[in-house]
Amino acid sequence: MGRFGNCKFDDLKKFQDKLNKLNEQQVNLFIEACAKELAARLLAKVIKRTPVGKYPKSSGKKGGTLRRGWTAGKRSSAIKYVSDLTIHHFGDTYVIEIVNPIDYASYVEFGHRTSNHKGWVQGRFMLTISEQEIESAAPKILERKLSKKLGEVFK
């Protein structure tokens, strides 16, 4: 008794107990961890793609302001910086806002007229391209994270 085919009811009970371990709070923490990982990957890509200005030594200017702007000037890795960001919940949607506060960031991203208004400087699309790459890579990244998490729960 207690057997049905090759399946023991005790095994089903153990399986149910393991499923119950994944409460709503743990699921939310897992989703937030996934969102932060994707945001960190995006930030790492966009930082690498962001151009650094080159100035003559006599100008007194130092390049890299725009690149440093992605992490608010903090000398930390993308992962560390993202771990401190707030995740906003809108229904079933989780949002992490990645902003570069440098005033000319949008001009470098999308392009702009030259100062004499006779030419056009092409945009670099550092964020746009990075977003597209993360969007296409996200399913595989999330699948690996989910497989790992389920492996932890069901071992």
C-alpha atoms as a PDB file:
ATOM      1  CA  MET A   1       0.000   0.000   0.000  1.00  0.00           C
ATOM      2  CA  GLY A   2       1.147   3.581  -0.498  1.00  0.00           C
ATOM      3  CA  ARG A   3       2.353   2.829  -4.030  1.00  0.00           C
ATOM      4  CA  PHE A   4       0.842   3.703  -7.382  1.00  0.00           C
ATOM      5  CA  GLY A   5       2.750   2.243 -10.293  1.00  0.00           C
ATOM      6  CA  ASN A   6       6.406   3.180  -9.754  1.00  0.00           C
ATOM      7  CA  CYS A   7       5.574   6.305  -7.788  1.00  0.00           C
ATOM      8  CA  LYS A   8       5.514   6.376  -4.023  1.00  0.00           C
ATOM      9  CA  PHE A   9       3.037   8.743  -2.435  1.00  0.00           C
ATOM     10  CA  ASP A  10       5.743   9.631   0.066  1.00  0.00           C
ATOM     11  CA  ASP A  11       7.830  10.927  -2.839  1.00  0.00           C
ATOM     12  CA  LEU A  12       4.933  13.118  -3.971  1.00  0.00           C
ATOM     13  CA  LYS A  13       4.588  14.459  -0.433  1.00  0.00           C
ATOM     14  CA  LYS A  14       8.324  15.295  -0.349  1.00  0.00           C
ATOM     15  CA  PHE A  15       7.971  16.987  -3.744  1.00  0.00           C
ATOM     16  CA  GLN A  16       5.034  19.046  -2.444  1.00  0.00           C
ATOM     17  CA  ASP A  17       7.028  20.049   0.637  1.00  0.00           C
ATOM     18  CA  LYS A  18       9.870  21.278  -1.559  1.00  0.00           C
ATOM     19  CA  LEU A  19       7.459  23.269  -3.716  1.00  0.00           C
ATOM     20  CA  ASN A  20       5.980  24.860  -0.619  1.00  0.00           C
ATOM     21  CA  LYS A  21       9.450  26.109   0.323  1.00  0.00           C
ATOM     22  CA  LEU A  22       9.170  28.566  -2.538  1.00  0.00           C
ATOM     23  CA  ASN A  23       6.909  31.062  -0.839  1.00  0.00           C
ATOM     24  CA  GLU A  24       5.918  34.382  -2.389  1.00  0.00           C
ATOM     25  CA  GLN A  25       8.707  36.300  -0.682  1.00  0.00           C
ATOM     26  CA  GLN A  26      11.360  33.896  -1.977  1.00  0.00           C
ATOM     27  CA  VAL A  27       9.930  34.104  -5.484  1.00  0.00           C
ATOM     28  CA  ASN A  28      10.028  37.920  -5.331  1.00  0.00           C
ATOM     29  CA  LEU A  29      13.637  37.834  -4.110  1.00  0.00           C
ATOM     30  CA  PHE A  30      14.550  35.507  -6.968  1.00  0.00           C
ATOM     31  CA  ILE A  31      12.869  37.778  -9.539  1.00  0.00           C
ATOM     32  CA  GLU A  32      14.623  40.819  -8.074  1.00  0.00           C
ATOM     33  CA  ALA A  33      17.970  39.001  -8.254  1.00  0.00           C
ATOM     34  CA  CYS A  34      17.265  38.225 -11.922  1.00  0.00           C
ATOM     35  CA  ALA A  35      16.368  41.862 -12.620  1.00  0.00           C
ATOM     36  CA  LYS A  36      19.534  43.076 -10.909  1.00  0.00           C
ATOM     37  CA  GLU A  37      21.701  40.629 -12.843  1.00  0.00           C
ATOM     38  CA  LEU A  38      20.230  41.801 -16.154  1.00  0.00           C
ATOM     39  CA  ALA A  39      20.687  45.437 -15.106  1.00  0.00           C
ATOM     40  CA  ALA A  40      24.327  44.797 -14.129  1.00  0.00           C
ATOM     41  CA  ARG A  41      25.004  43.107 -17.455  1.00  0.00           C
ATOM     42  CA  LEU A  42      23.381  46.035 -19.273  1.00  0.00           C
ATOM     43  CA  LEU A  43      25.403  48.543 -17.288  1.00  0.00           C
ATOM     44  CA  ALA A  44      28.669  46.687 -17.955  1.00  0.00           C
ATOM     45  CA  LYS A  45      27.947  46.709 -21.690  1.00  0.00           C
ATOM     46  CA  VAL A  46      26.917  50.359 -21.848  1.00  0.00           C
ATOM     47  CA  ILE A  47      29.953  51.502 -19.838  1.00  0.00           C
ATOM     48  CA  LYS A  48      32.307  49.725 -22.257  1.00  0.00           C
ATOM     49  CA  ARG A  49      30.497  51.301 -25.220  1.00  0.00           C
ATOM     50  CA  THR A  50      30.489  54.839 -23.840  1.00  0.00           C
ATOM     51  CA  PRO A  51      33.117  56.971 -25.560  1.00  0.00           C
ATOM     52  CA  VAL A  52      35.765  58.814 -23.570  1.00  0.00           C
ATOM     53  CA  GLY A  53      36.691  62.299 -24.728  1.00  0.00           C
ATOM     54  CA  LYS A  54      40.294  62.964 -25.677  1.00  0.00           C
ATOM     55  CA  TYR A  55      41.577  66.439 -24.911  1.00  0.00           C
ATOM     56  CA  PRO A  56      44.957  68.105 -25.272  1.00  0.00           C
ATOM     57  CA  LYS A  57      46.844  68.328 -21.972  1.00  0.00           C
ATOM     58  CA  SER A  58      46.831  72.090 -22.272  1.00  0.00           C
ATOM     59  CA  SER A  59      42.999  72.193 -22.123  1.00  0.00           C
ATOM     60  CA  GLY A  60      42.868  71.052 -18.502  1.00  0.00           C
ATOM     61  CA  LYS A  61      39.944  68.771 -19.364  1.00  0.00           C
ATOM     62  CA  LYS A  62      39.857  65.121 -18.407  1.00  0.00           C
ATOM     63  CA  GLY A  63      37.898  62.556 -20.433  1.00  0.00           C
ATOM     64  CA  GLY A  64      35.623  59.895 -18.981  1.00  0.00           C
ATOM     65  CA  THR A  65      32.957  62.042 -17.341  1.00  0.00           C
ATOM     66  CA  LEU A  66      30.181  60.484 -19.411  1.00  0.00           C
ATOM     67  CA  ARG A  67      31.431  56.953 -18.742  1.00  0.00           C
ATOM     68  CA  ARG A  68      31.694  57.608 -14.992  1.00  0.00           C
ATOM     69  CA  GLY A  69      28.172  59.044 -15.088  1.00  0.00           C
ATOM     70  CA  TRP A  70      26.637  55.574 -15.467  1.00  0.00           C
ATOM     71  CA  THR A  71      27.647  54.712 -11.910  1.00  0.00           C
ATOM     72  CA  ALA A  72      27.168  58.236 -10.566  1.00  0.00           C
ATOM     73  CA  GLY A  73      30.938  58.685 -10.433  1.00  0.00           C
ATOM     74  CA  LYS A  74      31.424  55.837  -7.970  1.00  0.00           C
ATOM     75  CA  ARG A  75      34.417  53.635  -8.662  1.00  0.00           C
ATOM     76  CA  SER A  76      32.520  50.415  -8.252  1.00  0.00           C
ATOM     77  CA  SER A  77      31.697  47.513 -10.503  1.00  0.00           C
ATOM     78  CA  ALA A  78      28.393  47.424 -12.349  1.00  0.00           C
ATOM     79  CA  ILE A  79      27.245  44.541 -10.116  1.00  0.00           C
ATOM     80  CA  LYS A  80      27.985  46.435  -6.891  1.00  0.00           C
ATOM     81  CA  TYR A  81      26.384  49.629  -8.184  1.00  0.00           C
ATOM     82  CA  VAL A  82      23.221  47.834  -9.343  1.00  0.00           C
ATOM     83  CA  SER A  83      22.886  45.967  -6.041  1.00  0.00           C
ATOM     84  CA  ASP A  84      22.186  49.319  -4.361  1.00  0.00           C
ATOM     85  CA  LEU A  85      19.537  50.409  -6.891  1.00  0.00           C
ATOM     86  CA  THR A  86      15.846  50.299  -6.043  1.00  0.00           C
ATOM     87  CA  ILE A  87      13.536  47.932  -7.880  1.00  0.00           C
ATOM     88  CA  HIS A  88      10.088  49.354  -8.547  1.00  0.00           C
ATOM     89  CA  HIS A  89       7.078  47.048  -8.854  1.00  0.00           C
ATOM     90  CA  PHE A  90       4.245  47.917 -11.215  1.00  0.00           C
ATOM     91  CA  GLY A  91       1.861  44.977 -11.083  1.00  0.00           C
ATOM     92  CA  ASP A  92       3.826  42.009 -12.428  1.00  0.00           C
ATOM     93  CA  THR A  93       6.533  44.266 -13.851  1.00  0.00           C
ATOM     94  CA  TYR A  94       9.854  44.886 -12.118  1.00  0.00           C
ATOM     95  CA  VAL A  95      11.704  48.049 -13.135  1.00  0.00           C
ATOM     96  CA  ILE A  96      15.270  49.161 -12.428  1.00  0.00           C
ATOM     97  CA  GLU A  97      16.028  52.602 -13.731  1.00  0.00           C
ATOM     98  CA  ILE A  98      19.474  53.101 -15.239  1.00  0.00           C
ATOM     99  CA  VAL A  99      20.223  56.767 -15.771  1.00  0.00           C
ATOM    100  CA  ASN A 100      23.245  58.753 -16.789  1.00  0.00           C
ATOM    101  CA  PRO A 101      22.827  62.175 -15.151  1.00  0.00           C
ATOM    102  CA  ILE A 102      25.456  63.886 -17.323  1.00  0.00           C
ATOM    103  CA  ASP A 103      23.602  66.631 -19.189  1.00  0.00           C
ATOM    104  CA  TYR A 104      24.960  65.754 -22.644  1.00  0.00           C
ATOM    105  CA  ALA A 105      24.400  61.982 -22.419  1.00  0.00           C
ATOM    106  CA  SER A 106      21.345  62.050 -24.688  1.00  0.00           C
ATOM    107  CA  TYR A 107      23.242  64.038 -27.333  1.00  0.00           C
ATOM    108  CA  VAL A 108      26.003  61.443 -27.452  1.00  0.00           C
ATOM    109  CA  GLU A 109      23.422  58.611 -27.454  1.00  0.00           C
ATOM    110  CA  PHE A 110      21.162  59.927 -30.230  1.00  0.00           C
ATOM    111  CA  GLY A 111      23.340  62.438 -32.088  1.00  0.00           C
ATOM    112  CA  HIS A 112      23.220  66.209 -32.324  1.00  0.00           C
ATOM    113  CA  ARG A 113      23.806  69.203 -34.550  1.00  0.00           C
ATOM    114  CA  THR A 114      27.271  70.692 -34.642  1.00  0.00           C
ATOM    115  CA  SER A 115      27.831  73.932 -32.765  1.00  0.00           C
ATOM    116  CA  ASN A 116      27.650  75.950 -36.019  1.00  0.00           C
ATOM    117  CA  HIS A 117      24.334  74.201 -36.902  1.00  0.00           C
ATOM    118  CA  LYS A 118      25.662  73.139 -40.312  1.00  0.00           C
ATOM    119  CA  GLY A 119      26.467  69.518 -39.605  1.00  0.00           C
ATOM    120  CA  TRP A 120      25.351  66.477 -37.668  1.00  0.00           C
ATOM    121  CA  VAL A 121      27.279  64.308 -35.218  1.00  0.00           C
ATOM    122  CA  GLN A 122      26.028  60.729 -35.380  1.00  0.00           C
ATOM    123  CA  GLY A 123      24.772  59.156 -32.178  1.00  0.00           C
ATOM    124  CA  ARG A 124      26.768  56.373 -30.539  1.00  0.00           C
ATOM    125  CA  PHE A 125      23.658  54.460 -29.335  1.00  0.00           C
ATOM    126  CA  MET A 126      25.649  52.962 -26.482  1.00  0.00           C
ATOM    127  CA  LEU A 127      22.545  52.330 -24.357  1.00  0.00           C
ATOM    128  CA  THR A 128      20.238  51.413 -27.239  1.00  0.00           C
ATOM    129  CA  ILE A 129      22.586  48.748 -28.622  1.00  0.00           C
ATOM    130  CA  SER A 130      23.351  47.390 -25.156  1.00  0.00           C
ATOM    131  CA  GLU A 131      19.622  47.113 -24.380  1.00  0.00           C
ATOM    132  CA  GLN A 132      19.058  45.170 -27.604  1.00  0.00           C
ATOM    133  CA  GLU A 133      21.883  42.770 -26.785  1.00  0.00           C
ATOM    134  CA  ILE A 134      20.600  42.150 -23.249  1.00  0.00           C
ATOM    135  CA  GLU A 135      17.058  41.701 -24.525  1.00  0.00           C
ATOM    136  CA  SER A 136      18.152  38.942 -26.889  1.00  0.00           C
ATOM    137  CA  ALA A 137      20.424  37.288 -24.282  1.00  0.00           C
ATOM    138  CA  ALA A 138      17.918  37.517 -21.402  1.00  0.00           C
ATOM    139  CA  PRO A 139      15.984  34.287 -22.074  1.00  0.00           C
ATOM    140  CA  LYS A 140      19.139  32.140 -21.837  1.00  0.00           C
ATOM    141  CA  ILE A 141      20.441  34.031 -18.800  1.00  0.00           C
ATOM    142  CA  LEU A 142      17.123  33.676 -16.985  1.00  0.00           C
ATOM    143  CA  GLU A 143      16.765  30.022 -17.958  1.00  0.00           C
ATOM    144  CA  ARG A 144      20.175  29.247 -16.410  1.00  0.00           C
ATOM    145  CA  LYS A 145      19.307  31.132 -13.221  1.00  0.00           C
ATOM    146  CA  LEU A 146      15.947  29.355 -12.954  1.00  0.00           C
ATOM    147  CA  SER A 147      17.510  25.928 -13.544  1.00  0.00           C
ATOM    148  CA  LYS A 148      20.077  26.631 -10.848  1.00  0.00           C
ATOM    149  CA  LYS A 149      17.402  27.803  -8.403  1.00  0.00           C
ATOM    150  CA  LEU A 150      15.180  24.799  -9.066  1.00  0.00           C
ATOM    151  CA  GLY A 151      18.210  22.547  -8.620  1.00  0.00           C
ATOM    152  CA  GLU A 152      18.783  24.094  -5.189  1.00  0.00           C
ATOM    153  CA  VAL A 153      15.144  23.624  -4.195  1.00  0.00           C
ATOM    154  CA  PHE A 154      14.745  20.053  -5.471  1.00  0.00           C
ATOM    155  CA  LYS A 155      18.009  18.470  -4.356  1.00  0.00           C
END
